[in-house]
Amino acid sequence: MWCGVGAFMGETVAVRLRKLHGWGNDFLVALDVDQPGGPLDTAEVGRRAPALCDRRYGVGADGLIHGGAPGAGSDADATMVLYNADGGRAEMSGNGIRCLAHAVVVAGGWRDEVVLDTDVGRRVLAVRRPAGGIEPVPDTVEIVAPMGTVDVGPQLPDAAIALIAGRPYASLDVGNPHVVVAVDDLDEVDLVTFGGAIEAAVPGGINVEIVTSTSGGVRLRVWERGVGLTEACGTGACATASAARRWGLVGDSCTVAMPGGVATVILDGDEATLVGPSVFVGTVEVPDT
């Protein structure tokens, strides 16, 4: 059964999913407060993630987020548990957390901030008021997401370093692991082969960003751990901005152009903030089986 508390023996329960995306990096969000049968079982959400995220036979998405009820005594709006498209658990997603915040607003009405408890700590996201009013909640809203500290990432094994082949790189952690690799031309790199090989060479996997500098910012393409090629990556944008600043390519605020759109990343010391839109696509109801 999908549902935990609130479901009755033999009851057929429709699970309500909200689909949203940030720069084309799309997510299915299952909020406990949305469910007609009561809170969902997180492990079951993860088990269903590959089928639901499948782009031919499922709804299609880069990941599935369970927006669970906050724990006892918590004043959060929801807890965030994120599964990649392959069903693997992910610690954080910059686009996913903004999509979850937007889904909370769509389900519960407008608020200027959304408080979320995540695997890497509490995050308080600001939802910017659009011109022309806030009711009904707009399909597109701009959300400011504090992403926490951009820290040193895992030490890469020799096999991964060999694949990077002498290019400048930085291993960083934004709640999840990244390796940012500077290249001369984004389009000359076979990122499926390059990214997939590096991910496989690192125990537990790693997100791979290739990056070039632009006027006032950077361009990147991303291979996401447990997903593959995606249109954008929020934590990857933060990792890339941090690496580019270390390399002297950008300052404390920069644009990060990705195939799906352009993010703004603001760095305050080692703390990163991601600014960009979340787009509500629609609601899907999945019957229990």
Protein backbone atom coordinates (compact mmCIF):
# COMPACT_ATOMS: atom_id res chain seq x y z
CA MET A 1 0.00 0.00 0.00
CA TRP A 2 1.14 3.53 -0.75
CA CYS A 3 -0.36 4.95 2.36
CA GLY A 4 0.58 4.54 5.99
CA VAL A 5 -1.49 6.28 8.65
CA GLY A 6 -5.01 7.01 7.43
CA ALA A 7 -5.45 4.14 4.98
CA PHE A 8 -7.98 1.40 5.60
CA MET A 9 -7.52 -2.28 4.75
CA GLY A 10 -8.48 -2.87 1.14
CA GLU A 11 -9.04 0.81 0.38
CA THR A 12 -8.09 2.05 -3.07
CA VAL A 13 -6.16 5.29 -2.59
CA ALA A 14 -5.27 7.79 -5.28
CA VAL A 15 -1.84 9.28 -4.70
CA ARG A 16 -1.68 12.91 -5.73
CA LEU A 17 1.54 14.10 -7.34
CA ARG A 18 2.42 17.65 -8.30
CA LYS A 19 4.80 17.98 -11.24
CA LEU A 20 7.09 21.02 -11.29
CA HIS A 21 10.40 21.99 -12.83
CA GLY A 22 13.25 24.43 -12.40
CA TRP A 23 14.91 25.24 -15.73
CA GLY A 24 13.65 21.92 -17.12
CA ASN A 25 15.02 19.87 -14.20
CA ASP A 26 11.69 18.28 -13.31
CA PHE A 27 10.32 16.61 -10.20
CA LEU A 28 7.25 14.81 -8.98
CA VAL A 29 6.26 16.00 -5.51
CA ALA A 30 4.11 13.85 -3.22
CA LEU A 31 2.95 15.98 -0.29
CA ASP A 32 1.42 14.22 2.70
CA VAL A 33 -1.08 17.06 3.09
CA ASP A 34 -2.30 16.36 -0.48
CA GLN A 35 -3.10 12.70 0.02
CA PRO A 36 -6.73 11.58 0.31
CA GLY A 37 -5.70 8.48 2.23
CA GLY A 38 -3.30 10.11 4.68
CA PRO A 39 0.48 10.27 4.96
CA LEU A 40 2.61 8.20 2.63
CA ASP A 41 5.20 5.62 3.56
CA THR A 42 8.58 7.11 2.57
CA ALA A 43 10.16 3.76 1.73
CA GLU A 44 7.25 2.96 -0.60
CA VAL A 45 7.64 6.33 -2.30
CA GLY A 46 11.26 5.44 -2.98
CA ARG A 47 10.34 2.00 -4.26
CA ARG A 48 7.90 3.54 -6.76
CA ALA A 49 10.29 6.28 -7.88
CA PRO A 50 11.85 4.51 -10.91
CA ALA A 51 8.48 3.55 -12.39
CA LEU A 52 6.91 6.97 -11.83
CA CYS A 53 9.97 8.85 -13.13
CA ASP A 54 10.23 6.70 -16.28
CA ARG A 55 9.69 9.00 -19.27
CA ARG A 56 8.07 6.38 -21.50
CA TYR A 57 6.04 4.24 -19.14
CA GLY A 58 5.57 6.53 -16.14
CA VAL A 59 4.79 10.18 -15.51
CA GLY A 60 8.38 11.19 -16.24
CA ALA A 61 10.76 13.21 -14.08
CA ASP A 62 14.36 13.54 -12.94
CA GLY A 63 13.35 12.79 -9.36
CA LEU A 64 10.54 12.11 -6.90
CA ILE A 65 10.23 14.11 -3.68
CA HIS A 66 8.24 13.05 -0.64
CA GLY A 67 7.09 16.16 1.21
CA GLY A 68 6.37 14.53 4.53
CA ALA A 69 4.62 15.92 7.56
CA PRO A 70 7.08 17.63 9.92
CA GLY A 71 8.22 15.73 12.98
CA ALA A 72 6.75 16.19 16.43
CA GLY A 73 7.50 19.67 17.75
CA SER A 74 8.77 20.93 14.39
CA ASP A 75 7.45 24.19 12.95
CA ALA A 76 8.54 23.27 9.42
CA ASP A 77 6.05 23.23 6.57
CA ALA A 78 7.30 19.82 5.40
CA THR A 79 10.23 17.46 5.41
CA MET A 80 12.08 16.73 2.17
CA VAL A 81 13.06 13.22 1.13
CA LEU A 82 14.44 13.06 -2.41
CA TYR A 83 14.80 10.05 -4.68
CA ASN A 84 16.61 10.19 -8.00
CA ALA A 85 15.01 8.71 -11.09
CA ASP A 86 16.83 5.43 -10.46
CA GLY A 87 15.34 5.19 -6.95
CA GLY A 88 18.56 6.11 -5.18
CA ARG A 89 18.31 8.50 -2.25
CA ALA A 90 19.80 11.96 -2.83
CA GLU A 91 20.78 14.33 -0.04
CA MET A 92 19.82 17.62 -1.69
CA SER A 93 18.70 19.27 -4.92
CA GLY A 94 18.67 23.01 -5.52
CA ASN A 95 15.91 22.79 -8.10
CA GLY A 96 14.07 20.06 -6.20
CA ILE A 97 13.89 22.06 -2.98
CA ARG A 98 12.49 25.08 -4.84
CA CYS A 99 9.91 22.86 -6.56
CA LEU A 100 8.93 21.40 -3.19
CA ALA A 101 8.52 24.88 -1.72
CA HIS A 102 6.33 25.89 -4.68
CA ALA A 103 4.24 22.72 -4.28
CA VAL A 104 3.68 23.58 -0.61
CA VAL A 105 2.37 26.99 -1.68
CA VAL A 106 0.18 25.52 -4.43
CA ALA A 107 -1.35 23.04 -1.97
CA GLY A 108 -1.74 25.32 1.04
CA GLY A 109 -2.04 28.88 -0.25
CA TRP A 110 0.35 31.78 -0.54
CA ARG A 111 3.10 32.40 1.95
CA ASP A 112 6.23 34.51 1.65
CA GLU A 113 8.51 31.83 3.02
CA VAL A 114 8.52 28.06 3.24
CA VAL A 115 10.42 26.19 5.95
CA LEU A 116 11.70 22.75 4.98
CA ASP A 117 13.60 20.16 7.00
CA THR A 118 16.03 18.21 4.79
CA ASP A 119 18.70 15.55 5.08
CA VAL A 120 21.30 18.33 5.27
CA GLY A 121 19.45 20.58 7.72
CA ARG A 122 16.73 23.21 7.77
CA ARG A 123 16.27 25.54 4.83
CA VAL A 124 14.06 28.65 4.81
CA LEU A 125 13.12 29.64 1.27
CA ALA A 126 11.75 33.04 0.28
CA VAL A 127 8.92 33.05 -2.25
CA ARG A 128 8.88 36.35 -4.10
CA ARG A 129 5.52 38.03 -4.58
CA PRO A 130 4.63 38.40 -8.26
CA ALA A 131 3.23 41.56 -9.73
CA GLY A 132 -0.53 41.59 -9.99
CA GLY A 133 -1.44 39.61 -6.88
CA ILE A 134 -0.92 36.19 -5.37
CA GLU A 135 -4.29 34.45 -5.75
CA PRO A 136 -4.53 32.00 -7.31
CA VAL A 137 -0.93 30.94 -6.77
CA PRO A 138 0.93 31.58 -10.04
CA ASP A 139 2.22 28.67 -12.08
CA THR A 140 5.64 30.34 -12.13
CA VAL A 141 7.20 31.88 -9.04
CA GLU A 142 10.71 33.03 -8.23
CA ILE A 143 12.21 31.40 -5.17
CA VAL A 144 15.35 32.29 -3.24
CA ALA A 145 16.93 29.18 -1.76
CA PRO A 146 19.81 29.29 0.74
CA MET A 147 21.85 26.21 -0.12
CA GLY A 148 24.25 26.22 2.81
CA THR A 149 28.01 25.83 2.71
CA VAL A 150 29.89 24.84 -0.42
CA ASP A 151 32.46 22.57 1.18
CA VAL A 152 35.33 20.39 0.07
CA GLY A 153 34.01 17.30 -1.67
CA PRO A 154 35.19 13.70 -1.67
CA GLN A 155 38.74 12.82 -2.62
CA LEU A 156 38.59 11.41 -6.12
CA PRO A 157 40.09 8.01 -6.81
CA ASP A 158 42.92 7.76 -9.32
CA ALA A 159 40.58 6.25 -11.90
CA ALA A 160 38.37 9.37 -11.87
CA ILE A 161 41.35 11.73 -11.96
CA ALA A 162 42.71 9.86 -14.98
CA LEU A 163 39.41 10.43 -16.80
CA ILE A 164 39.60 14.17 -16.13
CA ALA A 165 42.86 14.06 -18.08
CA GLY A 166 44.71 17.03 -16.65
CA ARG A 167 41.86 19.53 -16.90
CA PRO A 168 41.32 21.94 -13.96
CA TYR A 169 38.76 20.45 -11.57
CA ALA A 170 37.29 20.92 -8.12
CA SER A 171 35.61 18.31 -5.93
CA LEU A 172 32.94 20.08 -3.89
CA ASP A 173 30.01 19.30 -1.62
CA VAL A 174 26.72 21.24 -1.56
CA GLY A 175 24.96 18.72 0.64
CA ASN A 176 25.66 16.31 -2.24
CA PRO A 177 28.93 15.59 -4.09
CA HIS A 178 30.07 17.33 -7.28
CA VAL A 179 33.13 17.44 -9.46
CA VAL A 180 33.37 20.59 -11.59
CA VAL A 181 35.67 20.27 -14.60
CA ALA A 182 36.83 23.23 -16.73
CA VAL A 183 36.81 22.51 -20.48
CA ASP A 184 37.55 24.56 -23.59
CA ASP A 185 34.32 23.74 -25.41
CA LEU A 186 31.19 22.25 -23.80
CA ASP A 187 29.98 20.83 -27.09
CA GLU A 188 33.14 18.87 -27.81
CA VAL A 189 32.77 16.71 -24.68
CA ASP A 190 30.71 13.53 -24.91
CA LEU A 191 29.17 14.11 -21.49
CA VAL A 192 27.25 10.82 -21.47
CA THR A 193 30.52 8.89 -21.72
CA PHE A 194 32.61 11.34 -19.67
CA GLY A 195 30.10 11.92 -16.88
CA GLY A 196 28.95 8.33 -16.68
CA ALA A 197 32.52 7.05 -16.41
CA ILE A 198 33.44 9.49 -13.64
CA GLU A 199 30.25 8.73 -11.71
CA ALA A 200 31.01 5.01 -11.93
CA ALA A 201 34.61 5.56 -10.80
CA VAL A 202 33.64 7.35 -7.57
CA PRO A 203 32.28 5.17 -4.74
CA GLY A 204 28.66 6.19 -4.14
CA GLY A 205 28.64 8.19 -7.37
CA ILE A 206 29.09 11.91 -7.99
CA ASN A 207 27.49 14.71 -10.03
CA VAL A 208 29.66 15.90 -12.90
CA GLU A 209 29.64 19.45 -14.27
CA ILE A 210 31.65 20.64 -17.25
CA VAL A 211 32.07 24.41 -17.41
CA THR A 212 33.38 27.26 -19.55
CA SER A 213 33.52 30.96 -18.69
CA THR A 214 31.33 33.65 -20.25
CA SER A 215 31.13 37.41 -19.87
CA GLY A 216 30.10 37.86 -16.23
CA GLY A 217 29.35 34.22 -15.60
CA VAL A 218 29.77 30.60 -16.64
CA ARG A 219 28.10 27.99 -18.82
CA LEU A 220 27.70 24.42 -17.73
CA ARG A 221 26.34 21.06 -18.72
CA VAL A 222 25.62 18.45 -16.10
CA TRP A 223 25.56 14.70 -15.65
CA GLU A 224 23.55 13.98 -12.51
CA ARG A 225 24.24 11.00 -10.29
CA GLY A 226 21.41 8.48 -10.58
CA VAL A 227 19.71 10.39 -13.40
CA GLY A 228 22.06 11.11 -16.32
CA LEU A 229 21.94 14.21 -18.49
CA THR A 230 19.60 16.89 -17.15
CA GLU A 231 18.64 20.34 -18.33
CA ALA A 232 19.87 21.99 -15.13
CA CYS A 233 21.17 21.32 -11.65
CA GLY A 234 20.74 23.79 -8.79
CA THR A 235 23.40 22.40 -6.46
CA GLY A 236 25.61 21.97 -9.52
CA ALA A 237 25.17 25.65 -10.35
CA CYS A 238 26.28 26.54 -6.82
CA ALA A 239 29.28 24.21 -6.97
CA THR A 240 30.23 25.59 -10.36
CA ALA A 241 29.96 29.22 -9.21
CA SER A 242 32.16 28.43 -6.21
CA ALA A 243 34.77 26.66 -8.34
CA ALA A 244 34.73 29.46 -10.91
CA ARG A 245 35.29 32.06 -8.18
CA ARG A 246 38.24 30.06 -6.87
CA TRP A 247 39.65 30.02 -10.39
CA GLY A 248 39.22 33.81 -10.69
CA LEU A 249 36.55 33.61 -13.39
CA VAL A 250 33.67 35.26 -11.49
CA GLY A 251 32.98 37.30 -8.37
CA ASP A 252 30.58 36.78 -5.48
CA SER A 253 27.50 36.95 -7.70
CA CYS A 254 27.29 35.38 -11.12
CA THR A 255 25.00 33.88 -13.71
CA VAL A 256 25.18 30.19 -14.50
CA ALA A 257 23.82 29.34 -17.95
CA MET A 258 22.54 25.78 -18.33
CA PRO A 259 20.68 24.13 -21.21
CA GLY A 260 17.38 24.74 -19.41
CA GLY A 261 17.96 28.37 -18.39
CA VAL A 262 20.07 30.83 -16.46
CA ALA A 263 20.46 30.71 -12.69
CA THR A 264 21.77 33.39 -10.36
CA VAL A 265 24.14 32.23 -7.63
CA ILE A 266 25.18 34.54 -4.79
CA LEU A 267 28.20 33.56 -2.70
CA ASP A 268 28.75 34.99 0.77
CA GLY A 269 32.00 33.47 1.88
CA ASP A 270 31.39 29.75 1.44
CA GLU A 271 27.60 30.10 1.73
CA ALA A 272 25.63 29.85 -1.52
CA THR A 273 22.17 31.14 -2.41
CA LEU A 274 20.34 30.00 -5.53
CA VAL A 275 17.78 32.30 -7.17
CA GLY A 276 15.43 31.23 -9.93
CA PRO A 277 11.96 30.15 -10.99
CA SER A 278 9.88 27.11 -10.18
CA VAL A 279 7.20 26.21 -12.69
CA PHE A 280 4.07 24.23 -11.76
CA VAL A 281 3.19 21.86 -14.61
CA GLY A 282 0.14 20.04 -13.27
CA THR A 283 -1.35 17.46 -10.92
CA VAL A 284 -1.39 13.71 -11.49
CA GLU A 285 -3.39 11.16 -9.52
CA VAL A 286 -2.04 7.60 -9.40
CA PRO A 287 -4.38 4.82 -8.20
CA ASP A 288 -3.12 2.41 -5.61
CA THR A 289 -2.25 -1.06 -6.88
